[in-house]
Amino acid sequence: QAPEDCEFYMCGPPVMNAAVIKMLKDLGVEDENIMLDDFGG
């Protein structure tokens, strides 16, 4: 499947989450397909 057709769940520290969110958005993933648990945020 293409990345923009998937849902992404992640958990980690804010710096990691920010990097992964940027990467996913660069790949065309919409905000509503990105879910996270922010450790320490």
N, C-alpha and C. Protein backbone atom coordinates (compact mmCIF):
# COMPACT_ATOMS: atom_id res chain seq x y z
N GLN A 1 0.82 -1.19 0.00
CA GLN A 1 0.00 0.00 0.00
C GLN A 1 0.87 1.25 0.00
N ALA A 2 0.35 2.28 -0.61
CA ALA A 2 1.04 3.57 -0.60
C ALA A 2 0.92 4.20 0.79
N PRO A 3 1.95 4.92 1.25
CA PRO A 3 1.92 5.50 2.60
C PRO A 3 0.70 6.37 2.87
N GLU A 4 0.23 7.10 1.85
CA GLU A 4 -0.90 7.99 2.07
C GLU A 4 -2.23 7.25 2.25
N ASP A 5 -2.24 5.93 1.99
CA ASP A 5 -3.44 5.12 2.16
C ASP A 5 -3.47 4.37 3.49
N CYS A 6 -2.51 4.63 4.37
CA CYS A 6 -2.39 3.91 5.64
C CYS A 6 -2.63 4.84 6.82
N GLU A 7 -2.91 4.22 7.98
CA GLU A 7 -2.96 4.95 9.24
C GLU A 7 -1.69 4.63 10.01
N PHE A 8 -1.12 5.63 10.67
CA PHE A 8 0.13 5.47 11.39
C PHE A 8 -0.07 5.77 12.87
N TYR A 9 0.38 4.86 13.72
CA TYR A 9 0.32 5.01 15.17
C TYR A 9 1.75 4.98 15.70
N MET A 10 2.11 5.95 16.53
CA MET A 10 3.46 5.96 17.07
C MET A 10 3.44 6.46 18.50
N CYS A 11 4.48 6.13 19.23
CA CYS A 11 4.64 6.66 20.58
C CYS A 11 6.12 6.87 20.83
N GLY A 12 6.44 7.98 21.46
CA GLY A 12 7.82 8.28 21.74
C GLY A 12 7.99 9.70 22.23
N PRO A 13 9.22 10.12 22.40
CA PRO A 13 9.49 11.48 22.87
C PRO A 13 9.14 12.51 21.79
N PRO A 14 8.91 13.75 22.19
CA PRO A 14 8.49 14.79 21.24
C PRO A 14 9.42 14.96 20.03
N VAL A 15 10.73 14.88 20.24
CA VAL A 15 11.66 15.07 19.12
C VAL A 15 11.48 13.98 18.07
N MET A 16 11.33 12.74 18.51
CA MET A 16 11.12 11.64 17.58
C MET A 16 9.78 11.80 16.85
N ASN A 17 8.73 12.12 17.61
CA ASN A 17 7.42 12.29 17.00
C ASN A 17 7.44 13.38 15.93
N ALA A 18 8.08 14.49 16.22
CA ALA A 18 8.16 15.59 15.25
C ALA A 18 8.87 15.14 13.97
N ALA A 19 9.95 14.39 14.11
CA ALA A 19 10.69 13.91 12.94
C ALA A 19 9.86 12.94 12.11
N VAL A 20 9.15 12.03 12.78
CA VAL A 20 8.33 11.05 12.06
C VAL A 20 7.14 11.74 11.39
N ILE A 21 6.51 12.69 12.08
CA ILE A 21 5.39 13.42 11.48
C ILE A 21 5.85 14.16 10.22
N LYS A 22 7.01 14.81 10.29
CA LYS A 22 7.53 15.51 9.10
C LYS A 22 7.76 14.54 7.95
N MET A 23 8.37 13.40 8.25
CA MET A 23 8.63 12.40 7.22
C MET A 23 7.31 11.93 6.59
N LEU A 24 6.32 11.63 7.43
CA LEU A 24 5.04 11.14 6.91
C LEU A 24 4.35 12.20 6.05
N LYS A 25 4.36 13.45 6.50
CA LYS A 25 3.74 14.52 5.71
C LYS A 25 4.47 14.70 4.39
N ASP A 26 5.80 14.58 4.40
CA ASP A 26 6.57 14.67 3.15
C ASP A 26 6.19 13.56 2.18
N LEU A 27 5.71 12.43 2.72
CA LEU A 27 5.28 11.30 1.89
C LEU A 27 3.82 11.42 1.46
N GLY A 28 3.14 12.49 1.90
CA GLY A 28 1.77 12.73 1.49
C GLY A 28 0.70 12.21 2.43
N VAL A 29 1.09 11.84 3.65
CA VAL A 29 0.12 11.33 4.63
C VAL A 29 -0.64 12.52 5.24
N GLU A 30 -1.97 12.39 5.31
CA GLU A 30 -2.81 13.44 5.88
C GLU A 30 -2.76 13.40 7.41
N ASP A 31 -2.99 14.56 8.05
CA ASP A 31 -2.96 14.66 9.51
C ASP A 31 -3.89 13.66 10.19
N GLU A 32 -5.08 13.44 9.62
CA GLU A 32 -6.04 12.53 10.25
C GLU A 32 -5.59 11.07 10.22
N ASN A 33 -4.54 10.75 9.48
CA ASN A 33 -4.01 9.38 9.43
C ASN A 33 -2.79 9.20 10.33
N ILE A 34 -2.46 10.22 11.13
CA ILE A 34 -1.31 10.15 12.03
C ILE A 34 -1.80 10.28 13.46
N MET A 35 -1.60 9.23 14.27
CA MET A 35 -1.99 9.23 15.67
C MET A 35 -0.73 9.00 16.51
N LEU A 36 -0.67 9.63 17.70
CA LEU A 36 0.53 9.45 18.51
C LEU A 36 0.24 9.55 19.99
N ASP A 37 1.15 8.98 20.75
CA ASP A 37 1.20 9.11 22.21
C ASP A 37 2.52 9.79 22.50
N ASP A 38 2.45 11.00 23.02
CA ASP A 38 3.64 11.82 23.22
C ASP A 38 4.22 11.59 24.61
N PHE A 39 5.31 10.84 24.71
CA PHE A 39 5.97 10.60 26.00
C PHE A 39 6.71 11.86 26.43
N GLY A 40 6.37 12.37 27.57
CA GLY A 40 7.07 13.53 28.11
C GLY A 40 6.59 14.85 27.57
N GLY A 41 5.53 14.85 26.79
CA GLY A 41 5.07 16.10 26.20
C GLY A 41 3.89 16.63 26.89
